[in-house]
């Protein structure tokens, strides 16, 4: 539809594509990057109970607002980009260090 001769169809196609990128919690550079593909993660990416455990330690582990929002958002994700997966691993390691490896 982006190649349509009708401006309205082109605009609607662009809006639909942008909505899909947003719903996937991705960015256009991540979608268009030739050397970086999404890292498929099982469904769900991280379990709701694990998110809850991590968030219950947010003050003592000094999770900032961005990290808290990231954890809440990633719980709904079907896949993560390599950058998102790395960020999740860093936050998880931060919480594990803080908790001393306790469940």
Protein backbone atom coordinates (compact mmCIF):
# COMPACT_ATOMS: atom_id res chain seq x y z
CA UNK A 1 0.00 0.00 0.00
CA UNK A 2 2.94 2.36 0.45
CA UNK A 3 3.32 2.30 -3.32
CA UNK A 4 -0.29 3.28 -3.97
CA UNK A 5 -1.10 6.24 -6.17
CA UNK A 6 -3.65 7.36 -3.57
CA UNK A 7 -2.23 9.52 -0.78
CA UNK A 8 -4.83 8.35 1.74
CA UNK A 9 -3.86 4.69 1.26
CA UNK A 10 -0.18 5.52 1.64
CA UNK A 11 -0.85 7.47 4.85
CA UNK A 12 -2.99 4.67 6.30
CA UNK A 13 -0.32 2.08 5.48
CA UNK A 14 2.36 4.20 7.14
CA UNK A 15 0.21 4.67 10.24
CA UNK A 16 -0.50 0.92 10.42
CA UNK A 17 3.21 0.12 10.13
CA UNK A 18 4.06 2.62 12.86
CA UNK A 19 1.38 1.13 15.11
CA UNK A 20 2.85 -2.38 14.60
CA UNK A 21 6.34 -1.15 15.49
CA UNK A 22 4.97 0.58 18.60
CA UNK A 23 2.96 -2.47 19.70
CA UNK A 24 6.11 -4.58 19.38
CA UNK A 25 7.86 -2.07 21.67
CA UNK A 26 10.46 -1.56 18.99
CA UNK A 27 11.90 1.39 17.14
CA UNK A 28 12.23 1.97 13.42
CA UNK A 29 16.05 1.64 13.57
CA UNK A 30 15.63 -1.77 15.25
CA UNK A 31 13.15 -2.86 12.59
CA UNK A 32 15.27 -1.63 9.71
CA UNK A 33 18.73 -2.56 11.05
CA UNK A 34 20.18 -5.04 8.53
CA UNK A 35 22.54 -6.79 10.97
CA UNK A 36 20.39 -6.93 14.05
CA UNK A 37 17.33 -9.10 14.23
CA UNK A 38 15.00 -9.53 17.21
CA UNK A 39 15.94 -12.12 19.76
CA UNK A 40 12.99 -14.50 20.05
CA UNK A 41 12.09 -15.22 23.63
CA UNK A 42 9.49 -17.74 24.79
CA UNK A 43 6.07 -16.57 25.77
CA UNK A 44 5.99 -14.71 28.10
CA UNK A 45 9.40 -13.05 27.97
CA UNK A 46 9.55 -13.03 31.76
CA UNK A 47 6.91 -14.42 34.08
CA UNK A 48 4.55 -12.13 35.98
CA UNK A 49 5.63 -13.63 39.35
CA UNK A 50 9.30 -12.93 38.52
CA UNK A 51 8.44 -9.34 37.54
CA UNK A 52 6.59 -9.03 40.86
CA UNK A 53 9.59 -10.36 42.79
CA UNK A 54 11.93 -7.97 41.03
CA UNK A 55 9.63 -5.00 41.56
CA UNK A 56 9.13 -5.86 45.24
CA UNK A 57 12.86 -5.16 45.68
CA UNK A 58 12.85 -1.95 43.62
CA UNK A 59 13.74 0.33 46.55
CA UNK A 60 16.45 -1.75 48.21
CA UNK A 61 17.93 -2.63 44.80
CA UNK A 62 17.66 1.00 43.73
CA UNK A 63 15.79 0.39 40.50
CA UNK A 64 15.14 3.70 38.82
CA UNK A 65 11.84 4.73 37.26
CA UNK A 66 12.99 3.78 33.77
CA UNK A 67 13.95 0.26 34.92
CA UNK A 68 10.61 -0.21 36.71
CA UNK A 69 8.70 0.89 33.59
CA UNK A 70 10.88 -1.31 31.38
CA UNK A 71 10.12 -4.38 33.53
CA UNK A 72 6.41 -3.64 33.45
CA UNK A 73 6.49 -3.24 29.68
CA UNK A 74 8.64 -6.26 28.92
CA UNK A 75 6.19 -8.53 30.72
CA UNK A 76 3.79 -8.06 27.79
CA UNK A 77 6.40 -8.44 25.03
CA UNK A 78 6.42 -11.41 22.65
CA UNK A 79 10.05 -10.83 21.63
CA UNK A 80 12.94 -8.58 22.53
CA UNK A 81 15.53 -6.88 20.40
CA UNK A 82 19.13 -7.71 21.24
CA UNK A 83 19.40 -4.34 23.01
CA UNK A 84 16.25 -4.99 25.06
CA UNK A 85 17.42 -8.52 25.97
CA UNK A 86 20.77 -7.11 27.14
CA UNK A 87 19.00 -4.46 29.22
CA UNK A 88 16.74 -7.08 30.83
CA UNK A 89 19.81 -9.19 31.65
CA UNK A 90 21.51 -6.18 33.30
CA UNK A 91 18.44 -5.35 35.40
CA UNK A 92 18.01 -9.02 36.39
CA UNK A 93 21.70 -9.23 37.41
CA UNK A 94 21.35 -6.00 39.41
CA UNK A 95 18.38 -7.40 41.33
CA UNK A 96 20.07 -10.79 41.85
CA UNK A 97 23.20 -9.10 43.27
CA UNK A 98 21.02 -7.01 45.57
CA UNK A 99 19.00 -10.03 46.74
CA UNK A 100 22.16 -12.07 47.23
CA UNK A 101 20.86 -14.83 44.95
CA UNK A 102 17.78 -15.39 47.15
CA UNK A 103 14.53 -16.35 45.36
